[in-house]
C-alpha atoms as a PDB file:
ATOM      1  CA  UNK A   1       8.634  -8.251  -3.859  1.00  0.00           C
ATOM      2  CA  UNK A   2       7.419  -5.330  -1.714  1.00  0.00           C
ATOM      3  CA  UNK A   3       6.858  -2.707  -3.664  1.00  0.00           C
ATOM      4  CA  UNK A   4       7.935   1.249  -1.359  1.00  0.00           C
ATOM      5  CA  UNK A   5       5.593   3.730  -1.976  1.00  0.00           C
ATOM      6  CA  UNK A   6       5.071   7.355  -0.930  1.00  0.00           C
ATOM      7  CA  UNK A   7       2.564   9.720  -0.583  1.00  0.00           C
ATOM      8  CA  UNK A   8       2.678  13.394  -2.006  1.00  0.00           C
ATOM      9  CA  UNK A   9      -0.332  14.948  -1.003  1.00  0.00           C
ATOM     10  CA  UNK A  10      -2.382  13.686   2.224  1.00  0.00           C
ATOM     11  CA  UNK A  11      -6.083  15.353   1.528  1.00  0.00           C
ATOM     12  CA  UNK A  12      -9.191  14.253   0.466  1.00  0.00           C
ATOM     13  CA  UNK A  13      -7.452  11.689  -2.288  1.00  0.00           C
ATOM     14  CA  UNK A  14      -4.361  10.810  -0.433  1.00  0.00           C
ATOM     15  CA  UNK A  15      -5.588   9.942   2.956  1.00  0.00           C
ATOM     16  CA  UNK A  16      -7.953   7.891   1.291  1.00  0.00           C
ATOM     17  CA  UNK A  17      -5.419   5.897  -1.561  1.00  0.00           C
ATOM     18  CA  UNK A  18      -3.052   5.912   2.009  1.00  0.00           C
ATOM     19  CA  UNK A  19      -5.636   3.577   3.497  1.00  0.00           C
ATOM     20  CA  UNK A  20      -6.314   1.594   0.591  1.00  0.00           C
ATOM     21  CA  UNK A  21      -2.814   1.080  -0.215  1.00  0.00           C
ATOM     22  CA  UNK A  22      -2.451  -0.303   3.692  1.00  0.00           C
ATOM     23  CA  UNK A  23      -4.747  -3.232   2.724  1.00  0.00           C
ATOM     24  CA  UNK A  24      -2.989  -4.568  -0.173  1.00  0.00           C
ATOM     25  CA  UNK A  25      -0.079  -7.511   0.161  1.00  0.00           C
ATOM     26  CA  UNK A  26       3.452  -6.499  -1.247  1.00  0.00           C
ATOM     27  CA  UNK A  27       2.746  -2.665  -1.003  1.00  0.00           C
ATOM     28  CA  UNK A  28       4.386  -0.690   1.750  1.00  0.00           C
ATOM     29  CA  UNK A  29       3.820   2.867   2.526  1.00  0.00           C
ATOM     30  CA  UNK A  30       6.961   4.222   3.449  1.00  0.00           C
ATOM     31  CA  UNK A  31       5.094   7.817   4.264  1.00  0.00           C
ATOM     32  CA  UNK A  32       3.088  10.820   3.406  1.00  0.00           C
ATOM     33  CA  UNK A  33       3.854  14.639   2.290  1.00  0.00           C
ATOM     34  CA  UNK A  34       1.625  17.233   4.094  1.00  0.00           C
ATOM     35  CA  UNK A  35       2.284  20.777   3.741  1.00  0.00           C
ATOM     36  CA  UNK A  36       1.137  22.170   7.090  1.00  0.00           C
ATOM     37  CA  UNK A  37       0.415  21.008  10.465  1.00  0.00           C
ATOM     38  CA  UNK A  38      -3.501  20.360  10.894  1.00  0.00           C
ATOM     39  CA  UNK A  39      -5.472  18.829  12.053  1.00  0.00           C
ATOM     40  CA  UNK A  40      -5.178  16.087   8.664  1.00  0.00           C
ATOM     41  CA  UNK A  41      -1.193  16.347   9.834  1.00  0.00           C
ATOM     42  CA  UNK A  42      -2.191  14.957  13.592  1.00  0.00           C
ATOM     43  CA  UNK A  43      -4.293  12.200  12.612  1.00  0.00           C
ATOM     44  CA  UNK A  44      -1.392  10.969  10.198  1.00  0.00           C
ATOM     45  CA  UNK A  45       0.829  10.865  13.115  1.00  0.00           C
ATOM     46  CA  UNK A  46      -1.400   9.231  15.662  1.00  0.00           C
ATOM     47  CA  UNK A  47      -1.861   6.343  13.260  1.00  0.00           C
ATOM     48  CA  UNK A  48       1.509   5.572  13.007  1.00  0.00           C
ATOM     49  CA  UNK A  49       2.536   7.138   9.263  1.00  0.00           C
ATOM     50  CA  UNK A  50       5.808   8.778   8.878  1.00  0.00           C
ATOM     51  CA  UNK A  51       5.284  12.487   7.873  1.00  0.00           C
ATOM     52  CA  UNK A  52       7.379  14.158   5.325  1.00  0.00           C
ATOM     53  CA  UNK A  53       7.244  18.009   4.881  1.00  0.00           C
ATOM     54  CA  UNK A  54       7.356  19.136   0.981  1.00  0.00           C
ATOM     55  CA  UNK A  55      11.123  21.432   1.965  1.00  0.00           C
ATOM     56  CA  UNK A  56      12.979  22.645   4.732  1.00  0.00           C
ATOM     57  CA  UNK A  57      11.037  25.469   4.778  1.00  0.00           C
ATOM     58  CA  UNK A  58       7.635  23.530   5.709  1.00  0.00           C
ATOM     59  CA  UNK A  59       9.790  21.356   8.079  1.00  0.00           C
ATOM     60  CA  UNK A  60       9.914  24.252  10.679  1.00  0.00           C
ATOM     61  CA  UNK A  61       6.365  24.637  11.104  1.00  0.00           C
ATOM     62  CA  UNK A  62       6.071  21.290  11.814  1.00  0.00           C
ATOM     63  CA  UNK A  63       9.351  21.328  14.528  1.00  0.00           C
ATOM     64  CA  UNK A  64       7.684  24.668  15.901  1.00  0.00           C
ATOM     65  CA  UNK A  65       4.135  22.638  16.135  1.00  0.00           C
ATOM     66  CA  UNK A  66       5.805  19.944  18.280  1.00  0.00           C
ATOM     67  CA  UNK A  67       5.131  17.695  15.362  1.00  0.00           C
ATOM     68  CA  UNK A  68       7.985  15.821  13.964  1.00  0.00           C
ATOM     69  CA  UNK A  69       8.841  14.914  10.276  1.00  0.00           C
ATOM     70  CA  UNK A  70      10.825  12.265   9.421  1.00  0.00           C
ATOM     71  CA  UNK A  71      12.469  14.204   6.385  1.00  0.00           C
ATOM     72  CA  UNK A  72      11.449  15.846   3.273  1.00  0.00           C
ATOM     73  CA  UNK A  73      10.030  14.885   0.569  1.00  0.00           C
ATOM     74  CA  UNK A  74      13.651  14.864  -1.610  1.00  0.00           C
ATOM     75  CA  UNK A  75      14.289  12.278   1.237  1.00  0.00           C
ATOM     76  CA  UNK A  76      11.067  10.773   0.531  1.00  0.00           C
ATOM     77  CA  UNK A  77      11.349   9.799  -2.848  1.00  0.00           C
ATOM     78  CA  UNK A  78      14.956   8.319  -1.789  1.00  0.00           C
ATOM     79  CA  UNK A  79      13.464   5.267  -0.072  1.00  0.00           C
ATOM     80  CA  UNK A  80      10.232   4.978  -2.676  1.00  0.00           C
ATOM     81  CA  UNK A  81      10.214   3.081  -6.228  1.00  0.00           C
ATOM     82  CA  UNK A  82       6.492   4.587  -6.534  1.00  0.00           C
ATOM     83  CA  UNK A  83       4.842   8.064  -6.030  1.00  0.00           C
ATOM     84  CA  UNK A  84       1.437   9.016  -5.849  1.00  0.00           C
ATOM     85  CA  UNK A  85       1.077  12.632  -6.346  1.00  0.00           C
ATOM     86  CA  UNK A  86      -2.477  13.924  -4.445  1.00  0.00           C
ATOM     87  CA  UNK A  87      -1.366  17.649  -4.322  1.00  0.00           C
ATOM     88  CA  UNK A  88      -3.970  20.004  -5.621  1.00  0.00           C
ATOM     89  CA  UNK A  89      -4.378  20.342  -9.735  1.00  0.00           C
ATOM     90  CA  UNK A  90      -1.717  21.658 -11.300  1.00  0.00           C
ATOM     91  CA  UNK A  91       0.650  21.133  -8.519  1.00  0.00           C
ATOM     92  CA  UNK A  92       2.299  17.532  -9.675  1.00  0.00           C
ATOM     93  CA  UNK A  93       2.967  18.762 -13.124  1.00  0.00           C
ATOM     94  CA  UNK A  94       5.418  21.024 -11.215  1.00  0.00           C
ATOM     95  CA  UNK A  95       6.893  18.252  -8.909  1.00  0.00           C
ATOM     96  CA  UNK A  96       7.076  16.140 -12.437  1.00  0.00           C
ATOM     97  CA  UNK A  97      10.931  17.225 -12.780  1.00  0.00           C
ATOM     98  CA  UNK A  98      11.714  16.569  -9.344  1.00  0.00           C
ATOM     99  CA  UNK A  99      10.335  12.858  -9.159  1.00  0.00           C
ATOM    100  CA  UNK A 100      12.326  12.133 -12.624  1.00  0.00           C
ATOM    101  CA  UNK A 101      15.679  13.216 -11.310  1.00  0.00           C
ATOM    102  CA  UNK A 102      15.106  10.540  -8.676  1.00  0.00           C
ATOM    103  CA  UNK A 103      13.711   7.842 -11.270  1.00  0.00           C
ATOM    104  CA  UNK A 104      10.836   7.343  -9.343  1.00  0.00           C
ATOM    105  CA  UNK A 105       7.903   6.316 -11.070  1.00  0.00           C
ATOM    106  CA  UNK A 106       5.096   8.782 -10.569  1.00  0.00           C
ATOM    107  CA  UNK A 107       1.152   8.439 -10.316  1.00  0.00           C
ATOM    108  CA  UNK A 108      -0.670  11.698 -11.162  1.00  0.00           C
ATOM    109  CA  UNK A 109      -4.137  12.899 -10.125  1.00  0.00           C
ATOM    110  CA  UNK A 110      -7.180  14.449 -12.470  1.00  0.00           C
ATOM    111  CA  UNK A 111      -6.452  17.662 -11.774  1.00  0.00           C
ATOM    112  CA  UNK A 112      -3.499  17.645 -14.261  1.00  0.00           C
ATOM    113  CA  UNK A 113      -3.233  17.701 -17.749  1.00  0.00           C
ATOM    114  CA  UNK A 114      -2.844  14.964 -19.890  1.00  0.00           C
ATOM    115  CA  UNK A 115       0.262  15.499 -20.792  1.00  0.00           C
ATOM    116  CA  UNK A 116       1.787  15.147 -17.075  1.00  0.00           C
ATOM    117  CA  UNK A 117       1.984  11.363 -17.590  1.00  0.00           C
ATOM    118  CA  UNK A 118       2.951   8.776 -20.575  1.00  0.00           C
ATOM    119  CA  UNK A 119      -1.269   7.355 -20.112  1.00  0.00           C
ATOM    120  CA  UNK A 120      -4.350   8.614 -18.828  1.00  0.00           C
ATOM    121  CA  UNK A 121      -5.658   5.441 -17.182  1.00  0.00           C
ATOM    122  CA  UNK A 122      -8.944   3.673 -16.286  1.00  0.00           C
ATOM    123  CA  UNK A 123      -8.912   0.494 -15.063  1.00  0.00           C
ATOM    124  CA  UNK A 124     -12.153  -0.771 -17.397  1.00  0.00           C
ATOM    125  CA  UNK A 125     -10.736   0.986 -20.577  1.00  0.00           C
ATOM    126  CA  UNK A 126      -7.151   0.498 -20.875  1.00  0.00           C
ATOM    127  CA  UNK A 127      -5.708  -0.923 -17.660  1.00  0.00           C
ATOM    128  CA  UNK A 128      -2.691  -2.818 -20.160  1.00  0.00           C
ATOM    129  CA  UNK A 129      -1.578   0.349 -21.603  1.00  0.00           C
ATOM    130  CA  UNK A 130      -0.089   1.188 -18.062  1.00  0.00           C
ATOM    131  CA  UNK A 131       1.537  -1.644 -17.512  1.00  0.00           C
ATOM    132  CA  UNK A 132       5.424  -1.021 -17.108  1.00  0.00           C
ATOM    133  CA  UNK A 133       4.682   2.800 -17.639  1.00  0.00           C
ATOM    134  CA  UNK A 134       7.026   5.219 -15.235  1.00  0.00           C
ATOM    135  CA  UNK A 135       4.203   8.126 -15.288  1.00  0.00           C
ATOM    136  CA  UNK A 136       0.320   7.405 -15.094  1.00  0.00           C
ATOM    137  CA  UNK A 137      -2.710  10.116 -14.312  1.00  0.00           C
ATOM    138  CA  UNK A 138      -5.542   8.359 -13.004  1.00  0.00           C
ATOM    139  CA  UNK A 139      -8.463  10.921 -14.478  1.00  0.00           C
ATOM    140  CA  UNK A 140     -10.414  12.759 -12.497  1.00  0.00           C
ATOM    141  CA  UNK A 141     -13.352  11.623 -10.553  1.00  0.00           C
ATOM    142  CA  UNK A 142     -16.437  12.534 -13.360  1.00  0.00           C
ATOM    143  CA  UNK A 143     -13.799  11.372 -15.817  1.00  0.00           C
ATOM    144  CA  UNK A 144     -14.088   7.743 -14.401  1.00  0.00           C
ATOM    145  CA  UNK A 145     -17.206   7.691 -14.042  1.00  0.00           C
ATOM    146  CA  UNK A 146     -18.226   8.178 -17.430  1.00  0.00           C
ATOM    147  CA  UNK A 147     -15.693   5.683 -18.621  1.00  0.00           C
ATOM    148  CA  UNK A 148     -16.323   3.366 -16.239  1.00  0.00           C
ATOM    149  CA  UNK A 149     -20.323   3.239 -17.847  1.00  0.00           C
ATOM    150  CA  UNK A 150     -18.821   3.503 -21.286  1.00  0.00           C
ATOM    151  CA  UNK A 151     -16.625   1.133 -21.680  1.00  0.00           C
ATOM    152  CA  UNK A 152     -18.649  -1.374 -19.620  1.00  0.00           C
ATOM    153  CA  UNK A 153     -21.563  -0.412 -22.529  1.00  0.00           C
ATOM    154  CA  UNK A 154     -18.976  -0.288 -25.570  1.00  0.00           C
ATOM    155  CA  UNK A 155     -17.657  -3.904 -23.931  1.00  0.00           C
ATOM    156  CA  UNK A 156     -20.774  -5.258 -24.961  1.00  0.00           C
ATOM    157  CA  UNK A 157     -23.369  -3.402 -27.275  1.00  0.00           C
ATOM    158  CA  UNK A 158     -21.083  -1.079 -28.999  1.00  0.00           C
ATOM    159  CA  UNK A 159     -20.678   2.620 -28.517  1.00  0.00           C
ATOM    160  CA  UNK A 160     -21.335   5.117 -31.123  1.00  0.00           C
ATOM    161  CA  UNK A 161     -21.669   8.654 -29.241  1.00  0.00           C
ATOM    162  CA  UNK A 162     -22.054  10.321 -25.770  1.00  0.00           C
ATOM    163  CA  UNK A 163     -24.045  13.573 -24.637  1.00  0.00           C
ATOM    164  CA  UNK A 164     -23.602  14.157 -20.985  1.00  0.00           C
ATOM    165  CA  UNK A 165     -24.584  17.170 -18.727  1.00  0.00           C
ATOM    166  CA  UNK A 166     -22.932  17.326 -16.003  1.00  0.00           C
ATOM    167  CA  UNK A 167     -24.020  18.405 -12.397  1.00  0.00           C
ATOM    168  CA  UNK A 168     -21.064  19.326 -10.331  1.00  0.00           C
ATOM    169  CA  UNK A 169     -20.412  19.907  -6.482  1.00  0.00           C
ATOM    170  CA  UNK A 170     -19.579  22.868  -5.684  1.00  0.00           C
ATOM    171  CA  UNK A 171     -16.661  21.829  -3.369  1.00  0.00           C
ATOM    172  CA  UNK A 172     -15.712  18.540  -0.679  1.00  0.00           C
ATOM    173  CA  UNK A 173     -17.656  18.629   2.390  1.00  0.00           C
ATOM    174  CA  UNK A 174     -14.173  20.054   4.621  1.00  0.00           C
ATOM    175  CA  UNK A 175     -13.662  22.807   2.210  1.00  0.00           C
ATOM    176  CA  UNK A 176     -15.250  26.314   3.668  1.00  0.00           C
ATOM    177  CA  UNK A 177     -13.697  28.963   0.581  1.00  0.00           C
ATOM    178  CA  UNK A 178     -15.391  27.796  -2.258  1.00  0.00           C
ATOM    179  CA  UNK A 179     -18.936  27.979  -3.478  1.00  0.00           C
ATOM    180  CA  UNK A 180     -21.516  28.867  -5.306  1.00  0.00           C
ATOM    181  CA  UNK A 181     -23.770  29.459  -2.077  1.00  0.00           C
ATOM    182  CA  UNK A 182     -26.861  30.421  -3.871  1.00  0.00           C
ATOM    183  CA  UNK A 183     -26.421  29.867  -7.873  1.00  0.00           C
ATOM    184  CA  UNK A 184     -25.756  27.540 -10.193  1.00  0.00           C
ATOM    185  CA  UNK A 185     -23.008  27.907 -12.297  1.00  0.00           C
ATOM    186  CA  UNK A 186     -22.057  27.168 -16.350  1.00  0.00           C
ATOM    187  CA  UNK A 187     -18.606  25.499 -16.247  1.00  0.00           C
ATOM    188  CA  UNK A 188     -18.120  26.504 -18.304  1.00  0.00           C
ATOM    189  CA  UNK A 189     -20.304  28.492 -20.554  1.00  0.00           C
ATOM    190  CA  UNK A 190     -18.682  27.525 -23.750  1.00  0.00           C
ATOM    191  CA  UNK A 191     -18.866  24.054 -24.950  1.00  0.00           C
ATOM    192  CA  UNK A 192     -17.935  21.260 -24.541  1.00  0.00           C
ATOM    193  CA  UNK A 193     -16.460  21.026 -21.049  1.00  0.00           C
ATOM    194  CA  UNK A 194     -13.046  19.585 -20.191  1.00  0.00           C
ATOM    195  CA  UNK A 195     -14.729  16.717 -19.220  1.00  0.00           C
ATOM    196  CA  UNK A 196     -15.054  15.455 -22.901  1.00  0.00           C
ATOM    197  CA  UNK A 197     -11.731  15.977 -23.928  1.00  0.00           C
ATOM    198  CA  UNK A 198     -10.093  14.400 -20.910  1.00  0.00           C
ATOM    199  CA  UNK A 199     -12.692  11.098 -21.567  1.00  0.00           C
ATOM    200  CA  UNK A 200     -10.594  11.249 -24.939  1.00  0.00           C
ATOM    201  CA  UNK A 201      -7.493  11.067 -23.527  1.00  0.00           C
ATOM    202  CA  UNK A 202      -8.709   7.507 -22.802  1.00  0.00           C
ATOM    203  CA  UNK A 203     -10.777   6.892 -25.943  1.00  0.00           C
ATOM    204  CA  UNK A 204      -9.475   9.033 -28.891  1.00  0.00           C
ATOM    205  CA  UNK A 205     -12.407   7.683 -30.851  1.00  0.00           C
ATOM    206  CA  UNK A 206     -15.195   8.267 -29.009  1.00  0.00           C
ATOM    207  CA  UNK A 207     -17.993  11.090 -30.320  1.00  0.00           C
ATOM    208  CA  UNK A 208     -18.695  12.961 -26.907  1.00  0.00           C
ATOM    209  CA  UNK A 209     -19.533  15.944 -26.398  1.00  0.00           C
ATOM    210  CA  UNK A 210     -20.227  17.652 -22.404  1.00  0.00           C
ATOM    211  CA  UNK A 211     -21.715  20.389 -20.914  1.00  0.00           C
ATOM    212  CA  UNK A 212     -21.390  20.933 -16.897  1.00  0.00           C
ATOM    213  CA  UNK A 213     -23.162  23.294 -13.923  1.00  0.00           C
ATOM    214  CA  UNK A 214     -21.586  23.436 -10.571  1.00  0.00           C
ATOM    215  CA  UNK A 215     -24.518  24.011  -8.219  1.00  0.00           C
ATOM    216  CA  UNK A 216     -24.822  24.322  -3.744  1.00  0.00           C
ATOM    217  CA  UNK A 217     -23.700  20.837  -2.903  1.00  0.00           C
ATOM    218  CA  UNK A 218     -21.005  18.980  -1.225  1.00  0.00           C
ATOM    219  CA  UNK A 219     -22.146  15.767  -1.352  1.00  0.00           C
ATOM    220  CA  UNK A 220     -21.778  13.859  -4.665  1.00  0.00           C
ATOM    221  CA  UNK A 221     -22.089  14.907  -8.724  1.00  0.00           C
ATOM    222  CA  UNK A 222     -25.218  13.706 -10.536  1.00  0.00           C
ATOM    223  CA  UNK A 223     -24.198  12.832 -14.182  1.00  0.00           C
ATOM    224  CA  UNK A 224     -27.823  12.735 -17.066  1.00  0.00           C
ATOM    225  CA  UNK A 225     -26.340  10.658 -20.195  1.00  0.00           C
ATOM    226  CA  UNK A 226     -27.397  10.015 -23.451  1.00  0.00           C
ATOM    227  CA  UNK A 227     -25.572   6.775 -25.437  1.00  0.00           C
ATOM    228  CA  UNK A 228     -26.237   5.606 -28.873  1.00  0.00           C
ATOM    229  CA  UNK A 229     -25.160   2.443 -28.776  1.00  0.00           C
ATOM    230  CA  UNK A 230     -24.309   0.342 -32.009  1.00  0.00           C
ATOM    231  CA  UNK A 231     -27.249  -2.167 -31.928  1.00  0.00           C
ATOM    232  CA  UNK A 232     -30.464  -2.236 -30.598  1.00  0.00           C
ATOM    233  CA  UNK A 233     -30.965  -3.532 -26.826  1.00  0.00           C
ATOM    234  CA  UNK A 234     -33.785  -3.957 -24.174  1.00  0.00           C
ATOM    235  CA  UNK A 235     -34.137  -1.944 -20.754  1.00  0.00           C
ATOM    236  CA  UNK A 236     -33.578  -5.387 -19.485  1.00  0.00           C
ATOM    237  CA  UNK A 237     -30.297  -5.876 -21.740  1.00  0.00           C
ATOM    238  CA  UNK A 238     -28.826  -2.756 -20.597  1.00  0.00           C
ATOM    239  CA  UNK A 239     -29.707  -3.479 -16.775  1.00  0.00           C
ATOM    240  CA  UNK A 240     -28.219  -6.592 -17.279  1.00  0.00           C
ATOM    241  CA  UNK A 241     -24.792  -5.355 -18.381  1.00  0.00           C
ATOM    242  CA  UNK A 242     -24.330  -3.115 -15.754  1.00  0.00           C
ATOM    243  CA  UNK A 243     -25.332  -5.968 -13.005  1.00  0.00           C
ATOM    244  CA  UNK A 244     -22.635  -7.955 -14.085  1.00  0.00           C
ATOM    245  CA  UNK A 245     -20.201  -4.961 -14.775  1.00  0.00           C
ATOM    246  CA  UNK A 246     -17.248  -4.150 -11.798  1.00  0.00           C
ATOM    247  CA  UNK A 247     -17.361  -0.864 -10.186  1.00  0.00           C
ATOM    248  CA  UNK A 248     -20.963  -0.278 -11.186  1.00  0.00           C
ATOM    249  CA  UNK A 249     -23.630  -0.083  -8.657  1.00  0.00           C
ATOM    250  CA  UNK A 250     -27.461  -0.091  -9.351  1.00  0.00           C
ATOM    251  CA  UNK A 251     -29.965   1.207  -7.210  1.00  0.00           C
ATOM    252  CA  UNK A 252     -33.515   1.318  -7.555  1.00  0.00           C
ATOM    253  CA  UNK A 253     -35.858   4.163  -5.979  1.00  0.00           C
ATOM    254  CA  UNK A 254     -38.404   1.881  -6.065  1.00  0.00           C
ATOM    255  CA  UNK A 255     -37.068  -0.885  -3.825  1.00  0.00           C
ATOM    256  CA  UNK A 256     -34.915   1.129  -1.863  1.00  0.00           C
ATOM    257  CA  UNK A 257     -36.685   4.771  -1.490  1.00  0.00           C
ATOM    258  CA  UNK A 258     -33.328   6.342  -2.654  1.00  0.00           C
ATOM    259  CA  UNK A 259     -33.995   9.280  -5.274  1.00  0.00           C
ATOM    260  CA  UNK A 260     -31.059  11.492  -4.185  1.00  0.00           C
ATOM    261  CA  UNK A 261     -27.620  12.191  -3.245  1.00  0.00           C
ATOM    262  CA  UNK A 262     -28.179  13.277   0.177  1.00  0.00           C
ATOM    263  CA  UNK A 263     -29.991   9.638   0.678  1.00  0.00           C
ATOM    264  CA  UNK A 264     -27.101   7.715  -0.835  1.00  0.00           C
ATOM    265  CA  UNK A 265     -24.376   9.436   1.596  1.00  0.00           C
ATOM    266  CA  UNK A 266     -27.244   8.484   4.369  1.00  0.00           C
ATOM    267  CA  UNK A 267     -27.157   5.023   3.158  1.00  0.00           C
ATOM    268  CA  UNK A 268     -22.991   4.892   2.897  1.00  0.00           C
ATOM    269  CA  UNK A 269     -22.684   6.364   6.079  1.00  0.00           C
ATOM    270  CA  UNK A 270     -24.184   3.010   8.402  1.00  0.00           C
ATOM    271  CA  UNK A 271     -21.917   1.010   6.379  1.00  0.00           C
ATOM    272  CA  UNK A 272     -18.783   2.457   5.391  1.00  0.00           C
ATOM    273  CA  UNK A 273     -15.710   3.937   6.546  1.00  0.00           C
ATOM    274  CA  UNK A 274     -15.936   7.937   5.651  1.00  0.00           C
ATOM    275  CA  UNK A 275     -19.334   7.155   3.657  1.00  0.00           C
ATOM    276  CA  UNK A 276     -16.882   6.297   0.997  1.00  0.00           C
ATOM    277  CA  UNK A 277     -18.654   4.799  -2.046  1.00  0.00           C
ATOM    278  CA  UNK A 278     -16.107   4.204  -4.600  1.00  0.00           C
ATOM    279  CA  UNK A 279     -18.583   2.699  -6.713  1.00  0.00           C
ATOM    280  CA  UNK A 280     -20.414   4.629  -9.846  1.00  0.00           C
ATOM    281  CA  UNK A 281     -23.636   4.522  -8.647  1.00  0.00           C
ATOM    282  CA  UNK A 282     -26.128   4.523 -11.227  1.00  0.00           C
ATOM    283  CA  UNK A 283     -29.989   4.861 -10.872  1.00  0.00           C
ATOM    284  CA  UNK A 284     -31.555   1.974 -12.310  1.00  0.00           C
ATOM    285  CA  UNK A 285     -35.451   3.719 -12.603  1.00  0.00           C
ATOM    286  CA  UNK A 286     -33.997   6.499 -14.683  1.00  0.00           C
ATOM    287  CA  UNK A 287     -32.487   3.862 -17.424  1.00  0.00           C
ATOM    288  CA  UNK A 288     -34.479   4.638 -20.519  1.00  0.00           C
ATOM    289  CA  UNK A 289     -33.667   3.000 -23.763  1.00  0.00           C
ATOM    290  CA  UNK A 290     -35.577   3.478 -27.567  1.00  0.00           C
ATOM    291  CA  UNK A 291     -33.618   1.642 -29.853  1.00  0.00           C
ATOM    292  CA  UNK A 292     -30.308   3.074 -30.050  1.00  0.00           C
ATOM    293  CA  UNK A 293     -30.758   5.669 -27.835  1.00  0.00           C
ATOM    294  CA  UNK A 294     -30.294   4.821 -24.238  1.00  0.00           C
ATOM    295  CA  UNK A 295     -30.919   7.570 -21.483  1.00  0.00           C
ATOM    296  CA  UNK A 296     -29.941   7.449 -17.528  1.00  0.00           C
ATOM    297  CA  UNK A 297     -28.969   9.423 -14.577  1.00  0.00           C
ATOM    298  CA  UNK A 298     -25.720   8.488 -12.531  1.00  0.00           C
ATOM    299  CA  UNK A 299     -23.966   9.810  -9.580  1.00  0.00           C
ATOM    300  CA  UNK A 300     -20.113   9.924  -8.722  1.00  0.00           C
ATOM    301  CA  UNK A 301     -18.726  10.415  -4.848  1.00  0.00           C
ATOM    302  CA  UNK A 302     -15.898  12.486  -5.627  1.00  0.00           C
ATOM    303  CA  UNK A 303     -13.883  11.929  -2.939  1.00  0.00           C
ATOM    304  CA  UNK A 304     -13.468   7.998  -3.236  1.00  0.00           C
ATOM    305  CA  UNK A 305     -14.261   6.974  -6.648  1.00  0.00           C
ATOM    306  CA  UNK A 306     -10.968   6.957  -8.087  1.00  0.00           C
ATOM    307  CA  UNK A 307      -9.521   5.113  -5.152  1.00  0.00           C
ATOM    308  CA  UNK A 308      -9.605   1.647  -6.980  1.00  0.00           C
ATOM    309  CA  UNK A 309      -7.781   3.039 -10.259  1.00  0.00           C
ATOM    310  CA  UNK A 310      -4.673   4.394  -8.000  1.00  0.00           C
ATOM    311  CA  UNK A 311      -4.187   0.965  -6.621  1.00  0.00           C
ATOM    312  CA  UNK A 312      -4.905  -0.859 -10.133  1.00  0.00           C
ATOM    313  CA  UNK A 313      -2.569   1.825 -11.687  1.00  0.00           C
ATOM    314  CA  UNK A 314       0.594   0.848  -8.752  1.00  0.00           C
ATOM    315  CA  UNK A 315      -0.239  -2.571 -10.428  1.00  0.00           C
ATOM    316  CA  UNK A 316      -0.032  -2.119 -13.560  1.00  0.00           C
ATOM    317  CA  UNK A 317       3.157  -0.097 -13.294  1.00  0.00           C
ATOM    318  CA  UNK A 318       5.185  -2.642 -10.979  1.00  0.00           C
ATOM    319  CA  UNK A 319       3.870  -5.049 -13.172  1.00  0.00           C
ATOM    320  CA  UNK A 320       2.310  -7.051 -10.344  1.00  0.00           C
ATOM    321  CA  UNK A 321      -0.479  -8.082 -12.099  1.00  0.00           C
ATOM    322  CA  UNK A 322      -0.558  -7.952 -16.056  1.00  0.00           C
ATOM    323  CA  UNK A 323      -4.426  -9.138 -16.444  1.00  0.00           C
ATOM    324  CA  UNK A 324      -6.527  -6.629 -16.160  1.00  0.00           C
ATOM    325  CA  UNK A 325      -9.939  -8.782 -14.784  1.00  0.00           C
ATOM    326  CA  UNK A 326      -7.909 -10.007 -12.275  1.00  0.00           C
ATOM    327  CA  UNK A 327      -6.559  -7.147 -10.777  1.00  0.00           C
ATOM    328  CA  UNK A 328      -9.697  -5.306 -10.855  1.00  0.00           C
ATOM    329  CA  UNK A 329     -10.930  -8.415  -8.896  1.00  0.00           C
ATOM    330  CA  UNK A 330      -8.364  -8.218  -5.988  1.00  0.00           C
ATOM    331  CA  UNK A 331      -8.565  -4.521  -5.503  1.00  0.00           C
ATOM    332  CA  UNK A 332     -12.020  -4.534  -5.067  1.00  0.00           C
ATOM    333  CA  UNK A 333     -12.082  -7.542  -2.337  1.00  0.00           C
ATOM    334  CA  UNK A 334      -9.854  -5.729  -0.488  1.00  0.00           C
ATOM    335  CA  UNK A 335     -11.182  -2.317  -0.776  1.00  0.00           C
ATOM    336  CA  UNK A 336     -14.964  -4.031   0.121  1.00  0.00           C
ATOM    337  CA  UNK A 337     -16.058  -2.619  -3.326  1.00  0.00           C
ATOM    338  CA  UNK A 338     -19.398  -3.781  -4.211  1.00  0.00           C
ATOM    339  CA  UNK A 339     -22.872  -4.215  -5.507  1.00  0.00           C
ATOM    340  CA  UNK A 340     -24.873  -3.064  -2.672  1.00  0.00           C
ATOM    341  CA  UNK A 341     -24.880  -0.596   0.472  1.00  0.00           C
ATOM    342  CA  UNK A 342     -26.754  -2.860   2.529  1.00  0.00           C
END
């Protein structure tokens, strides 16, 4: 069985999902939708990807630029089984009626509200809930990072409650119209931040509060977590549980010299395409526990962390793999997800 897939939105996330899809046996990337004939569209064309425009007006812009398009989004929807929507936040919901009209399954990203889809999804937490679904929302980069570690700890120790502070990057590296340039911005001033609400869209039972600030960096997000476990555990117990979990990478500053997101990215540049770090990075030296109160720092590469979850969502929705362990292992093997950057 070959599953035919289209991608609506070929930006930071869309292009990475496209690269991942082309590595998975049984998945065929039919085409990608770009709004403008920019350098991203030129690169997609050079790679041999079929380009589609969102509408006739946009198609004319491509023609004027001398860049051929195969058709419009509506025509792409007539050729695929599933569409991955990676348009800017809030845009996917506007396309939802069109996807439903064409009877196409749809994956949305975390920039959409939870009610856009039947299920909010995180592979390590609720893979089974996405099996056979018509619409799934892969939660945001920060929420993916939070859920990976919370569900890992809950499986081994049980989690009673979580308190987290999220230090957010201001923009992706390519973005030139976003800040702040010289400030730390409360995001938002009123608590909790939306991240707690998003986590509860997957784990409604969890007692969680989050706060967030935006700082002048483009590389990664950093979280400071306080996790209250349901039973006592040692630091060694926690480290071993994290080492055994998929999609979590422990980095020791004592062993590697890495104490910052800049150093993480520099290490990734040497060994990873686009310097992607789809793993959740936990700074091992920061792990501290007293009784049931666990504290640590973790880092999230916002450009790539949700890519494995998008591939898993496709597998679940199309019933290509019903076992979450096998699905995750296979995805990680294909995408080169590992435990180390060296």
